[in-house]
All heavy atoms as atom14 arrays in JSON, in Angstrom:
{
  "sequence": "VSIDRHGNEKIIDCIPCVLWSNVAKSAAFLRDGDTVTICGRMQSR",
  "atom14_mask": [
    [1, 1, 1, 1, 1, 1, 1, 0, 0, 0, 0, 0, 0, 0],
    [1, 1, 1, 1, 1, 1, 0, 0, 0, 0, 0, 0, 0, 0],
    [1, 1, 1, 1, 1, 1, 1, 1, 0, 0, 0, 0, 0, 0],
    [1, 1, 1, 1, 1, 1, 1, 1, 0, 0, 0, 0, 0, 0],
    [1, 1, 1, 1, 1, 1, 1, 1, 1, 1, 1, 0, 0, 0],
    [1, 1, 1, 1, 1, 1, 1, 1, 1, 1, 0, 0, 0, 0],
    [1, 1, 1, 1, 0, 0, 0, 0, 0, 0, 0, 0, 0, 0],
    [1, 1, 1, 1, 1, 1, 1, 1, 0, 0, 0, 0, 0, 0],
    [1, 1, 1, 1, 1, 1, 1, 1, 1, 0, 0, 0, 0, 0],
    [1, 1, 1, 1, 1, 1, 1, 1, 1, 0, 0, 0, 0, 0],
    [1, 1, 1, 1, 1, 1, 1, 1, 0, 0, 0, 0, 0, 0],
    [1, 1, 1, 1, 1, 1, 1, 1, 0, 0, 0, 0, 0, 0],
    [1, 1, 1, 1, 1, 1, 1, 1, 0, 0, 0, 0, 0, 0],
    [1, 1, 1, 1, 1, 1, 0, 0, 0, 0, 0, 0, 0, 0],
    [1, 1, 1, 1, 1, 1, 1, 1, 0, 0, 0, 0, 0, 0],
    [1, 1, 1, 1, 1, 1, 1, 0, 0, 0, 0, 0, 0, 0],
    [1, 1, 1, 1, 1, 1, 0, 0, 0, 0, 0, 0, 0, 0],
    [1, 1, 1, 1, 1, 1, 1, 0, 0, 0, 0, 0, 0, 0],
    [1, 1, 1, 1, 1, 1, 1, 1, 0, 0, 0, 0, 0, 0],
    [1, 1, 1, 1, 1, 1, 1, 1, 1, 1, 1, 1, 1, 1],
    [1, 1, 1, 1, 1, 1, 0, 0, 0, 0, 0, 0, 0, 0],
    [1, 1, 1, 1, 1, 1, 1, 1, 0, 0, 0, 0, 0, 0],
    [1, 1, 1, 1, 1, 1, 1, 0, 0, 0, 0, 0, 0, 0],
    [1, 1, 1, 1, 1, 0, 0, 0, 0, 0, 0, 0, 0, 0],
    [1, 1, 1, 1, 1, 1, 1, 1, 1, 0, 0, 0, 0, 0],
    [1, 1, 1, 1, 1, 1, 0, 0, 0, 0, 0, 0, 0, 0],
    [1, 1, 1, 1, 1, 0, 0, 0, 0, 0, 0, 0, 0, 0],
    [1, 1, 1, 1, 1, 0, 0, 0, 0, 0, 0, 0, 0, 0],
    [1, 1, 1, 1, 1, 1, 1, 1, 1, 1, 1, 0, 0, 0],
    [1, 1, 1, 1, 1, 1, 1, 1, 0, 0, 0, 0, 0, 0],
    [1, 1, 1, 1, 1, 1, 1, 1, 1, 1, 1, 0, 0, 0],
    [1, 1, 1, 1, 1, 1, 1, 1, 0, 0, 0, 0, 0, 0],
    [1, 1, 1, 1, 0, 0, 0, 0, 0, 0, 0, 0, 0, 0],
    [1, 1, 1, 1, 1, 1, 1, 1, 0, 0, 0, 0, 0, 0],
    [1, 1, 1, 1, 1, 1, 1, 0, 0, 0, 0, 0, 0, 0],
    [1, 1, 1, 1, 1, 1, 1, 0, 0, 0, 0, 0, 0, 0],
    [1, 1, 1, 1, 1, 1, 1, 0, 0, 0, 0, 0, 0, 0],
    [1, 1, 1, 1, 1, 1, 1, 1, 0, 0, 0, 0, 0, 0],
    [1, 1, 1, 1, 1, 1, 0, 0, 0, 0, 0, 0, 0, 0],
    [1, 1, 1, 1, 0, 0, 0, 0, 0, 0, 0, 0, 0, 0],
    [1, 1, 1, 1, 1, 1, 1, 1, 1, 1, 1, 0, 0, 0],
    [1, 1, 1, 1, 1, 1, 1, 1, 0, 0, 0, 0, 0, 0],
    [1, 1, 1, 1, 1, 1, 1, 1, 1, 0, 0, 0, 0, 0],
    [1, 1, 1, 1, 1, 1, 0, 0, 0, 0, 0, 0, 0, 0],
    [1, 1, 1, 1, 1, 1, 1, 1, 1, 1, 1, 0, 0, 0]
  ],
  "atom14_positions": [
    [[106.1, 132.83, 56.31], [104.7, 132.44, 56.39], [104.63, 130.94, 56.67], [105.26, 130.13, 55.98], [103.94, 132.76, 55.09], [102.51, 132.24, 55.16], [103.94, 134.26, 54.85], [0.0, 0.0, 0.0], [0.0, 0.0, 0.0], [0.0, 0.0, 0.0], [0.0, 0.0, 0.0], [0.0, 0.0, 0.0], [0.0, 0.0, 0.0], [0.0, 0.0, 0.0]],
    [[103.87, 130.58, 57.69], [103.72, 129.19, 58.1], [102.44, 128.62, 57.5], [101.36, 129.17, 57.68], [103.68, 129.11, 59.63], [103.41, 127.79, 60.07], [0.0, 0.0, 0.0], [0.0, 0.0, 0.0], [0.0, 0.0, 0.0], [0.0, 0.0, 0.0], [0.0, 0.0, 0.0], [0.0, 0.0, 0.0], [0.0, 0.0, 0.0], [0.0, 0.0, 0.0]],
    [[102.58, 127.5, 56.75], [101.44, 126.85, 56.12], [101.19, 125.51, 56.79], [102.08, 124.64, 56.8], [101.68, 126.64, 54.61], [101.95, 127.97, 53.91], [100.5, 125.93, 53.96], [102.33, 127.82, 52.45], [0.0, 0.0, 0.0], [0.0, 0.0, 0.0], [0.0, 0.0, 0.0], [0.0, 0.0, 0.0], [0.0, 0.0, 0.0], [0.0, 0.0, 0.0]],
    [[99.99, 125.33, 57.34], [99.58, 124.06, 57.93], [99.2, 123.12, 56.78], [98.11, 123.22, 56.23], [98.41, 124.32, 58.88], [97.93, 123.06, 59.56], [98.52, 121.99, 59.33], [96.95, 123.14, 60.32], [0.0, 0.0, 0.0], [0.0, 0.0, 0.0], [0.0, 0.0, 0.0], [0.0, 0.0, 0.0], [0.0, 0.0, 0.0], [0.0, 0.0, 0.0]],
    [[100.1, 122.2, 56.42], [99.96, 121.46, 55.17], [98.67, 120.63, 55.09], [97.98, 120.62, 54.08], [101.16, 120.54, 54.96], [101.16, 119.85, 53.61], [102.33, 118.9, 53.46], [103.63, 119.56, 53.47], [104.77, 118.91, 53.31], [104.77, 117.59, 53.14], [105.92, 119.59, 53.33], [0.0, 0.0, 0.0], [0.0, 0.0, 0.0], [0.0, 0.0, 0.0]],
    [[98.35, 119.92, 56.15], [97.2, 119.02, 56.1], [96.06, 119.42, 57.05], [95.12, 118.67, 57.25], [97.63, 117.59, 56.43], [98.61, 117.02, 55.45], [98.33, 116.89, 54.11], [99.89, 116.58, 55.61], [99.38, 116.36, 53.49], [100.34, 116.19, 54.37], [0.0, 0.0, 0.0], [0.0, 0.0, 0.0], [0.0, 0.0, 0.0], [0.0, 0.0, 0.0]],
    [[96.14, 120.59, 57.64], [95.07, 121.06, 58.51], [95.09, 120.48, 59.9], [94.15, 120.68, 60.67], [0.0, 0.0, 0.0], [0.0, 0.0, 0.0], [0.0, 0.0, 0.0], [0.0, 0.0, 0.0], [0.0, 0.0, 0.0], [0.0, 0.0, 0.0], [0.0, 0.0, 0.0], [0.0, 0.0, 0.0], [0.0, 0.0, 0.0], [0.0, 0.0, 0.0]],
    [[96.16, 119.78, 60.26], [96.21, 119.19, 61.6], [97.47, 119.58, 62.37], [97.75, 119.03, 63.43], [96.15, 117.66, 61.51], [97.23, 117.09, 60.59], [98.19, 117.78, 60.26], [97.06, 115.84, 60.2], [0.0, 0.0, 0.0], [0.0, 0.0, 0.0], [0.0, 0.0, 0.0], [0.0, 0.0, 0.0], [0.0, 0.0, 0.0], [0.0, 0.0, 0.0]],
    [[98.22, 120.54, 61.83], [99.41, 121.11, 62.46], [100.53, 120.1, 62.67], [101.47, 120.35, 63.4], [99.05, 121.78, 63.79], [98.1, 122.96, 63.65], [97.86, 123.68, 64.95], [98.33, 123.18, 65.99], [97.23, 124.74, 64.93], [0.0, 0.0, 0.0], [0.0, 0.0, 0.0], [0.0, 0.0, 0.0], [0.0, 0.0, 0.0], [0.0, 0.0, 0.0]],
    [[100.45, 118.92, 62.03], [101.5, 117.93, 62.16], [102.67, 118.22, 61.22], [103.81, 117.89, 61.5], [100.95, 116.53, 61.91], [100.02, 116.03, 63.01], [99.59, 114.6, 62.76], [98.69, 114.11, 63.89], [98.25, 112.7, 63.68], [0.0, 0.0, 0.0], [0.0, 0.0, 0.0], [0.0, 0.0, 0.0], [0.0, 0.0, 0.0], [0.0, 0.0, 0.0]],
    [[102.35, 118.8, 60.06], [103.39, 119.17, 59.1], [103.21, 120.65, 58.74], [102.16, 121.04, 58.23], [103.32, 118.32, 57.83], [103.46, 116.83, 58.17], [104.42, 118.73, 56.85], [103.4, 115.93, 56.97], [0.0, 0.0, 0.0], [0.0, 0.0, 0.0], [0.0, 0.0, 0.0], [0.0, 0.0, 0.0], [0.0, 0.0, 0.0], [0.0, 0.0, 0.0]],
    [[104.21, 121.44, 59.04], [104.17, 122.88, 58.78], [105.24, 123.23, 57.76], [106.41, 122.87, 57.92], [104.4, 123.69, 60.07], [103.33, 123.34, 61.12], [104.38, 125.17, 59.77], [101.93, 123.72, 60.73], [0.0, 0.0, 0.0], [0.0, 0.0, 0.0], [0.0, 0.0, 0.0], [0.0, 0.0, 0.0], [0.0, 0.0, 0.0], [0.0, 0.0, 0.0]],
    [[104.84, 123.92, 56.7], [105.79, 124.44, 55.72], [106.06, 125.9, 56.04], [105.12, 126.69, 56.21], [105.24, 124.31, 54.31], [105.11, 122.86, 53.86], [106.13, 122.14, 53.91], [104.0, 122.45, 53.49], [0.0, 0.0, 0.0], [0.0, 0.0, 0.0], [0.0, 0.0, 0.0], [0.0, 0.0, 0.0], [0.0, 0.0, 0.0], [0.0, 0.0, 0.0]],
    [[107.33, 126.27, 56.14], [107.72, 127.66, 56.43], [108.3, 128.27, 55.16], [109.31, 127.78, 54.63], [108.73, 127.71, 57.55], [108.07, 127.12, 59.14], [0.0, 0.0, 0.0], [0.0, 0.0, 0.0], [0.0, 0.0, 0.0], [0.0, 0.0, 0.0], [0.0, 0.0, 0.0], [0.0, 0.0, 0.0], [0.0, 0.0, 0.0], [0.0, 0.0, 0.0]],
    [[107.65, 129.33, 54.67], [108.0, 129.91, 53.39], [108.57, 131.32, 53.58], [107.88, 132.21, 54.07], [106.76, 129.98, 52.46], [106.05, 128.63, 52.42], [107.17, 130.46, 51.09], [106.89, 127.49, 51.91], [0.0, 0.0, 0.0], [0.0, 0.0, 0.0], [0.0, 0.0, 0.0], [0.0, 0.0, 0.0], [0.0, 0.0, 0.0], [0.0, 0.0, 0.0]],
    [[109.84, 131.54, 53.21], [110.42, 132.88, 53.32], [109.89, 133.8, 52.22], [109.75, 133.39, 51.06], [111.92, 132.63, 53.16], [112.01, 131.36, 52.36], [110.81, 130.54, 52.74], [0.0, 0.0, 0.0], [0.0, 0.0, 0.0], [0.0, 0.0, 0.0], [0.0, 0.0, 0.0], [0.0, 0.0, 0.0], [0.0, 0.0, 0.0], [0.0, 0.0, 0.0]],
    [[109.6, 135.03, 52.59], [109.05, 136.02, 51.65], [109.83, 137.32, 51.78], [110.31, 137.67, 52.86], [107.57, 136.29, 51.93], [106.51, 134.82, 51.88], [0.0, 0.0, 0.0], [0.0, 0.0, 0.0], [0.0, 0.0, 0.0], [0.0, 0.0, 0.0], [0.0, 0.0, 0.0], [0.0, 0.0, 0.0], [0.0, 0.0, 0.0], [0.0, 0.0, 0.0]],
    [[109.91, 138.06, 50.67], [110.54, 139.38, 50.69], [109.61, 140.38, 50.03], [108.99, 140.08, 49.01], [111.92, 139.35, 49.99], [111.8, 138.89, 48.55], [112.62, 140.69, 50.09], [0.0, 0.0, 0.0], [0.0, 0.0, 0.0], [0.0, 0.0, 0.0], [0.0, 0.0, 0.0], [0.0, 0.0, 0.0], [0.0, 0.0, 0.0], [0.0, 0.0, 0.0]],
    [[109.47, 141.57, 50.64], [108.59, 142.62, 50.15], [109.4, 143.9, 50.01], [110.24, 144.22, 50.88], [107.41, 142.85, 51.11], [106.53, 141.65, 51.47], [107.11, 140.87, 52.65], [105.13, 142.1, 51.81], [0.0, 0.0, 0.0], [0.0, 0.0, 0.0], [0.0, 0.0, 0.0], [0.0, 0.0, 0.0], [0.0, 0.0, 0.0], [0.0, 0.0, 0.0]],
    [[109.13, 144.66, 48.94], [109.88, 145.87, 48.66], [108.96, 147.09, 48.54], [107.77, 146.95, 48.27], [110.65, 145.72, 47.34], [111.74, 144.71, 47.38], [111.64, 143.37, 47.11], [113.12, 144.93, 47.73], [112.86, 142.75, 47.26], [113.78, 143.69, 47.63], [113.85, 146.06, 48.1], [115.14, 143.54, 47.89], [115.2, 145.92, 48.35], [115.83, 144.68, 48.26]],
    [[109.55, 148.23, 48.78], [108.92, 149.53, 48.51], [107.55, 149.67, 49.17], [107.42, 149.43, 50.36], [108.84, 149.76, 46.99], [110.12, 149.68, 46.41], [0.0, 0.0, 0.0], [0.0, 0.0, 0.0], [0.0, 0.0, 0.0], [0.0, 0.0, 0.0], [0.0, 0.0, 0.0], [0.0, 0.0, 0.0], [0.0, 0.0, 0.0], [0.0, 0.0, 0.0]],
    [[106.53, 150.05, 48.4], [105.21, 150.31, 48.97], [104.57, 149.08, 49.57], [103.85, 149.15, 50.57], [104.29, 150.91, 47.9], [104.69, 152.31, 47.49], [105.32, 153.03, 48.27], [104.36, 152.7, 46.27], [0.0, 0.0, 0.0], [0.0, 0.0, 0.0], [0.0, 0.0, 0.0], [0.0, 0.0, 0.0], [0.0, 0.0, 0.0], [0.0, 0.0, 0.0]],
    [[104.83, 147.91, 48.97], [104.3, 146.67, 49.53], [104.93, 146.41, 50.9], [104.27, 145.99, 51.84], [104.55, 145.48, 48.6], [103.96, 144.19, 49.17], [103.97, 145.74, 47.22], [0.0, 0.0, 0.0], [0.0, 0.0, 0.0], [0.0, 0.0, 0.0], [0.0, 0.0, 0.0], [0.0, 0.0, 0.0], [0.0, 0.0, 0.0], [0.0, 0.0, 0.0]],
    [[106.22, 146.71, 51.0], [106.92, 146.54, 52.28], [106.37, 147.49, 53.34], [106.2, 147.11, 54.51], [108.41, 146.76, 52.09], [0.0, 0.0, 0.0], [0.0, 0.0, 0.0], [0.0, 0.0, 0.0], [0.0, 0.0, 0.0], [0.0, 0.0, 0.0], [0.0, 0.0, 0.0], [0.0, 0.0, 0.0], [0.0, 0.0, 0.0], [0.0, 0.0, 0.0]],
    [[106.1, 148.73, 52.96], [105.56, 149.7, 53.91], [104.22, 149.24, 54.46], [103.92, 149.43, 55.64], [105.44, 151.07, 53.25], [106.78, 151.71, 52.89], [106.59, 153.02, 52.15], [107.94, 153.62, 51.75], [107.77, 154.89, 50.99], [0.0, 0.0, 0.0], [0.0, 0.0, 0.0], [0.0, 0.0, 0.0], [0.0, 0.0, 0.0], [0.0, 0.0, 0.0]],
    [[103.4, 148.64, 53.61], [102.1, 148.14, 54.05], [102.25, 146.95, 54.99], [101.36, 146.69, 55.81], [101.26, 147.73, 52.84], [101.04, 148.82, 51.97], [0.0, 0.0, 0.0], [0.0, 0.0, 0.0], [0.0, 0.0, 0.0], [0.0, 0.0, 0.0], [0.0, 0.0, 0.0], [0.0, 0.0, 0.0], [0.0, 0.0, 0.0], [0.0, 0.0, 0.0]],
    [[103.37, 146.22, 54.87], [103.57, 145.02, 55.68], [104.24, 145.31, 57.02], [104.38, 144.41, 57.84], [104.41, 144.01, 54.91], [0.0, 0.0, 0.0], [0.0, 0.0, 0.0], [0.0, 0.0, 0.0], [0.0, 0.0, 0.0], [0.0, 0.0, 0.0], [0.0, 0.0, 0.0], [0.0, 0.0, 0.0], [0.0, 0.0, 0.0], [0.0, 0.0, 0.0]],
    [[104.65, 146.55, 57.23], [105.39, 146.88, 58.43], [104.58, 146.67, 59.71], [105.15, 146.47, 60.79], [105.87, 148.33, 58.37], [0.0, 0.0, 0.0], [0.0, 0.0, 0.0], [0.0, 0.0, 0.0], [0.0, 0.0, 0.0], [0.0, 0.0, 0.0], [0.0, 0.0, 0.0], [0.0, 0.0, 0.0], [0.0, 0.0, 0.0], [0.0, 0.0, 0.0]],
    [[103.26, 146.66, 59.6], [102.4, 146.5, 60.78], [102.05, 145.04, 61.04], [101.36, 144.74, 62.01], [101.11, 147.31, 60.61], [100.27, 146.88, 59.44], [99.38, 145.83, 59.56], [100.39, 147.53, 58.22], [98.62, 145.43, 58.48], [99.63, 147.13, 57.13], [98.74, 146.08, 57.27], [0.0, 0.0, 0.0], [0.0, 0.0, 0.0], [0.0, 0.0, 0.0]],
    [[102.47, 144.12, 60.19], [102.15, 142.7, 60.4], [102.86, 142.17, 61.64], [103.96, 142.6, 61.98], [102.56, 141.88, 59.18], [101.76, 142.12, 57.89], [102.38, 141.33, 56.74], [100.3, 141.74, 58.08], [0.0, 0.0, 0.0], [0.0, 0.0, 0.0], [0.0, 0.0, 0.0], [0.0, 0.0, 0.0], [0.0, 0.0, 0.0], [0.0, 0.0, 0.0]],
    [[102.2, 141.24, 62.32], [102.75, 140.66, 63.54], [102.65, 139.15, 63.52], [101.89, 138.57, 62.75], [102.02, 141.23, 64.78], [102.18, 142.73, 64.98], [103.62, 143.09, 65.32], [103.81, 144.51, 65.56], [104.16, 145.39, 64.65], [104.33, 144.99, 63.39], [104.33, 146.66, 64.95], [0.0, 0.0, 0.0], [0.0, 0.0, 0.0], [0.0, 0.0, 0.0]],
    [[103.41, 138.53, 64.4], [103.4, 137.08, 64.54], [101.98, 136.56, 64.76], [101.26, 137.06, 65.63], [104.29, 136.68, 65.73], [104.29, 135.19, 65.98], [104.47, 134.42, 65.02], [104.1, 134.79, 67.14], [0.0, 0.0, 0.0], [0.0, 0.0, 0.0], [0.0, 0.0, 0.0], [0.0, 0.0, 0.0], [0.0, 0.0, 0.0], [0.0, 0.0, 0.0]],
    [[101.56, 135.58, 63.97], [100.24, 134.97, 64.12], [99.16, 135.54, 63.24], [98.08, 134.95, 63.14], [0.0, 0.0, 0.0], [0.0, 0.0, 0.0], [0.0, 0.0, 0.0], [0.0, 0.0, 0.0], [0.0, 0.0, 0.0], [0.0, 0.0, 0.0], [0.0, 0.0, 0.0], [0.0, 0.0, 0.0], [0.0, 0.0, 0.0], [0.0, 0.0, 0.0]],
    [[99.4, 136.67, 62.58], [98.41, 137.21, 61.65], [98.23, 136.25, 60.46], [99.2, 135.71, 59.93], [98.85, 138.58, 61.12], [98.77, 139.68, 62.16], [98.12, 139.45, 63.2], [99.35, 140.75, 61.94], [0.0, 0.0, 0.0], [0.0, 0.0, 0.0], [0.0, 0.0, 0.0], [0.0, 0.0, 0.0], [0.0, 0.0, 0.0], [0.0, 0.0, 0.0]],
    [[96.97, 136.05, 60.06], [96.67, 135.17, 58.92], [96.59, 136.01, 57.65], [95.9, 137.02, 57.61], [95.35, 134.43, 59.14], [95.42, 133.68, 60.36], [95.06, 133.48, 58.0], [0.0, 0.0, 0.0], [0.0, 0.0, 0.0], [0.0, 0.0, 0.0], [0.0, 0.0, 0.0], [0.0, 0.0, 0.0], [0.0, 0.0, 0.0], [0.0, 0.0, 0.0]],
    [[97.31, 135.57, 56.61], [97.42, 136.36, 55.38], [97.31, 135.47, 54.15], [97.57, 134.27, 54.2], [98.75, 137.14, 55.33], [98.84, 138.17, 56.44], [99.93, 136.18, 55.38], [0.0, 0.0, 0.0], [0.0, 0.0, 0.0], [0.0, 0.0, 0.0], [0.0, 0.0, 0.0], [0.0, 0.0, 0.0], [0.0, 0.0, 0.0], [0.0, 0.0, 0.0]],
    [[96.92, 136.1, 53.05], [97.07, 135.52, 51.72], [98.12, 136.33, 50.98], [98.03, 137.56, 50.95], [95.75, 135.53, 50.94], [94.8, 134.71, 51.61], [95.95, 134.99, 49.54], [0.0, 0.0, 0.0], [0.0, 0.0, 0.0], [0.0, 0.0, 0.0], [0.0, 0.0, 0.0], [0.0, 0.0, 0.0], [0.0, 0.0, 0.0], [0.0, 0.0, 0.0]],
    [[99.11, 135.65, 50.42], [100.21, 136.33, 49.74], [100.28, 135.88, 48.29], [100.18, 134.68, 48.0], [101.54, 136.04, 50.46], [101.64, 136.92, 51.72], [102.74, 136.27, 49.55], [102.88, 136.73, 52.52], [0.0, 0.0, 0.0], [0.0, 0.0, 0.0], [0.0, 0.0, 0.0], [0.0, 0.0, 0.0], [0.0, 0.0, 0.0], [0.0, 0.0, 0.0]],
    [[100.44, 136.85, 47.39], [100.57, 136.57, 45.96], [101.89, 137.16, 45.47], [102.27, 138.26, 45.86], [99.41, 137.17, 45.18], [97.79, 136.51, 45.63], [0.0, 0.0, 0.0], [0.0, 0.0, 0.0], [0.0, 0.0, 0.0], [0.0, 0.0, 0.0], [0.0, 0.0, 0.0], [0.0, 0.0, 0.0], [0.0, 0.0, 0.0], [0.0, 0.0, 0.0]],
    [[102.56, 136.43, 44.61], [103.82, 136.93, 44.08], [104.44, 135.94, 43.12], [103.74, 135.17, 42.46], [0.0, 0.0, 0.0], [0.0, 0.0, 0.0], [0.0, 0.0, 0.0], [0.0, 0.0, 0.0], [0.0, 0.0, 0.0], [0.0, 0.0, 0.0], [0.0, 0.0, 0.0], [0.0, 0.0, 0.0], [0.0, 0.0, 0.0], [0.0, 0.0, 0.0]],
    [[105.76, 135.97, 43.07], [106.48, 135.05, 42.2], [107.63, 134.42, 42.99], [108.11, 135.0, 43.98], [107.02, 135.76, 40.96], [108.04, 136.84, 41.26], [108.59, 137.49, 40.0], [109.56, 138.53, 40.32], [110.85, 138.29, 40.56], [111.3, 137.04, 40.51], [111.67, 139.28, 40.85], [0.0, 0.0, 0.0], [0.0, 0.0, 0.0], [0.0, 0.0, 0.0]],
    [[108.03, 133.25, 42.56], [109.14, 132.56, 43.21], [110.44, 133.01, 42.56], [110.55, 133.05, 41.33], [108.96, 131.06, 43.08], [109.69, 130.25, 44.12], [109.06, 128.57, 44.15], [110.19, 127.83, 45.33], [0.0, 0.0, 0.0], [0.0, 0.0, 0.0], [0.0, 0.0, 0.0], [0.0, 0.0, 0.0], [0.0, 0.0, 0.0], [0.0, 0.0, 0.0]],
    [[111.4, 133.39, 43.37], [112.65, 133.87, 42.82], [113.83, 133.15, 43.49], [113.7, 132.58, 44.58], [112.8, 135.38, 43.01], [113.03, 135.81, 44.44], [113.27, 137.32, 44.55], [112.99, 138.09, 43.64], [113.81, 137.75, 45.68], [0.0, 0.0, 0.0], [0.0, 0.0, 0.0], [0.0, 0.0, 0.0], [0.0, 0.0, 0.0], [0.0, 0.0, 0.0]],
    [[114.96, 133.19, 42.81], [116.2, 132.67, 43.38], [117.19, 133.81, 43.48], [117.16, 134.76, 42.68], [116.78, 131.54, 42.51], [117.07, 132.02, 41.2], [0.0, 0.0, 0.0], [0.0, 0.0, 0.0], [0.0, 0.0, 0.0], [0.0, 0.0, 0.0], [0.0, 0.0, 0.0], [0.0, 0.0, 0.0], [0.0, 0.0, 0.0], [0.0, 0.0, 0.0]],
    [[118.02, 133.75, 44.47], [119.1, 134.74, 44.61], [120.33, 134.03, 45.17], [120.23, 133.03, 45.88], [118.69, 135.9, 45.53], [118.34, 135.51, 46.95], [117.99, 136.72, 47.79], [117.56, 136.33, 49.13], [118.41, 136.12, 50.15], [119.72, 136.27, 49.96], [117.95, 135.77, 51.33], [0.0, 0.0, 0.0], [0.0, 0.0, 0.0], [0.0, 0.0, 0.0]]
  ]
}
């Protein structure tokens, strides 16, 4: 997910996300450029 940090596209934060099971099935139709709100937790692996 690409976040436009200051609203001027000069600084972009790219955030890796992982989805499992039913949430993943719902995300299978997402495409490049779709705008989304994502909720979850931060994890380390």
